[in-house]
């Protein structure tokens, strides 16, 4: 977890602790790597799916759908160079 004093928000979570208990939270990965919204959703869901407050199979099916969306909607990816990198 970040030692930045501005990271007080990273030290609390509403509705469980499935993100807060990771050494690096999904939001930190998403921000530091400038991931798109849909990439961020895949990251957060894969990190939580098997946690007690995760949604198991539903999370995995959502990940599958989000990847299908990426494959279909990212025209640059279909041409061989993605804007989502």
Protein backbone atom coordinates (compact mmCIF):
# COMPACT_ATOMS: atom_id res chain seq x y z
CA UNK A 1 0.00 0.00 0.00
CA UNK A 2 1.15 3.51 -0.71
CA UNK A 3 2.94 5.43 2.05
CA UNK A 4 1.82 8.73 0.53
CA UNK A 5 -0.01 10.67 3.28
CA UNK A 6 -2.71 11.53 0.73
CA UNK A 7 -3.61 7.84 0.49
CA UNK A 8 -6.01 7.83 3.45
CA UNK A 9 -8.72 6.78 1.02
CA UNK A 10 -6.70 3.65 0.18
CA UNK A 11 -6.79 2.68 3.84
CA UNK A 12 -10.57 2.45 3.96
CA UNK A 13 -13.10 0.56 1.92
CA UNK A 14 -16.86 0.57 2.00
CA UNK A 15 -18.53 -2.83 1.81
CA UNK A 16 -15.71 -5.27 2.58
CA UNK A 17 -11.95 -5.46 2.40
CA UNK A 18 -11.37 -7.42 -0.81
CA UNK A 19 -9.32 -4.56 -2.35
CA UNK A 20 -7.79 -3.02 0.75
CA UNK A 21 -6.09 -6.26 1.80
CA UNK A 22 -4.01 -6.55 -1.39
CA UNK A 23 -0.37 -5.45 -1.27
CA UNK A 24 -1.15 -3.29 -4.31
CA UNK A 25 -4.78 -2.30 -4.76
CA UNK A 26 -6.45 -2.48 -8.18
CA UNK A 27 -6.85 1.32 -8.31
CA UNK A 28 -3.09 1.75 -7.86
CA UNK A 29 -2.37 -0.65 -10.74
CA UNK A 30 -4.99 1.06 -12.93
CA UNK A 31 -3.77 4.62 -12.27
CA UNK A 32 -0.03 3.93 -12.43
CA UNK A 33 -0.38 2.03 -15.70
CA UNK A 34 -2.91 4.45 -17.25
CA UNK A 35 -5.33 1.63 -18.01
CA UNK A 36 -8.65 2.23 -19.69
CA UNK A 37 -11.95 1.91 -17.86
CA UNK A 38 -12.63 -1.54 -19.27
CA UNK A 39 -9.08 -2.78 -18.54
CA UNK A 40 -9.52 -1.54 -14.98
CA UNK A 41 -12.74 -3.50 -14.63
CA UNK A 42 -10.98 -6.69 -15.72
CA UNK A 43 -8.17 -6.07 -13.20
CA UNK A 44 -10.49 -5.39 -10.25
CA UNK A 45 -12.77 -8.32 -11.03
CA UNK A 46 -9.95 -10.87 -11.45
CA UNK A 47 -8.43 -9.73 -8.16
CA UNK A 48 -11.69 -10.10 -6.22
CA UNK A 49 -13.58 -12.98 -7.84
CA UNK A 50 -12.44 -15.65 -5.36
CA UNK A 51 -12.61 -13.49 -2.24
CA UNK A 52 -15.49 -13.82 0.25
CA UNK A 53 -16.95 -10.51 -0.92
CA UNK A 54 -16.24 -11.26 -4.59
CA UNK A 55 -18.86 -12.60 -6.96
CA UNK A 56 -17.14 -15.80 -8.12
CA UNK A 57 -18.42 -17.10 -11.44
CA UNK A 58 -20.36 -13.87 -12.08
CA UNK A 59 -17.12 -11.86 -11.93
CA UNK A 60 -15.44 -14.32 -14.32
CA UNK A 61 -18.34 -14.11 -16.78
CA UNK A 62 -18.21 -10.32 -16.61
CA UNK A 63 -14.46 -10.44 -17.33
CA UNK A 64 -15.15 -12.67 -20.32
CA UNK A 65 -17.78 -10.21 -21.58
CA UNK A 66 -15.46 -7.22 -21.06
CA UNK A 67 -12.70 -8.92 -23.03
CA UNK A 68 -15.21 -9.72 -25.79
CA UNK A 69 -16.16 -6.02 -25.80
CA UNK A 70 -12.50 -5.03 -26.07
CA UNK A 71 -11.96 -7.41 -28.96
CA UNK A 72 -15.03 -6.12 -30.77
CA UNK A 73 -14.87 -2.41 -30.02
CA UNK A 74 -11.17 -1.64 -30.11
CA UNK A 75 -10.76 -1.09 -33.82
CA UNK A 76 -7.06 -0.30 -33.43
CA UNK A 77 -6.55 -3.68 -31.77
CA UNK A 78 -8.25 -5.26 -34.77
CA UNK A 79 -5.71 -3.48 -37.00
CA UNK A 80 -2.80 -4.59 -34.85
CA UNK A 81 -2.14 -1.48 -32.72
CA UNK A 82 -4.37 -0.73 -29.77
CA UNK A 83 -5.10 2.62 -28.15
CA UNK A 84 -5.70 0.73 -24.91
CA UNK A 85 -2.00 0.20 -24.23
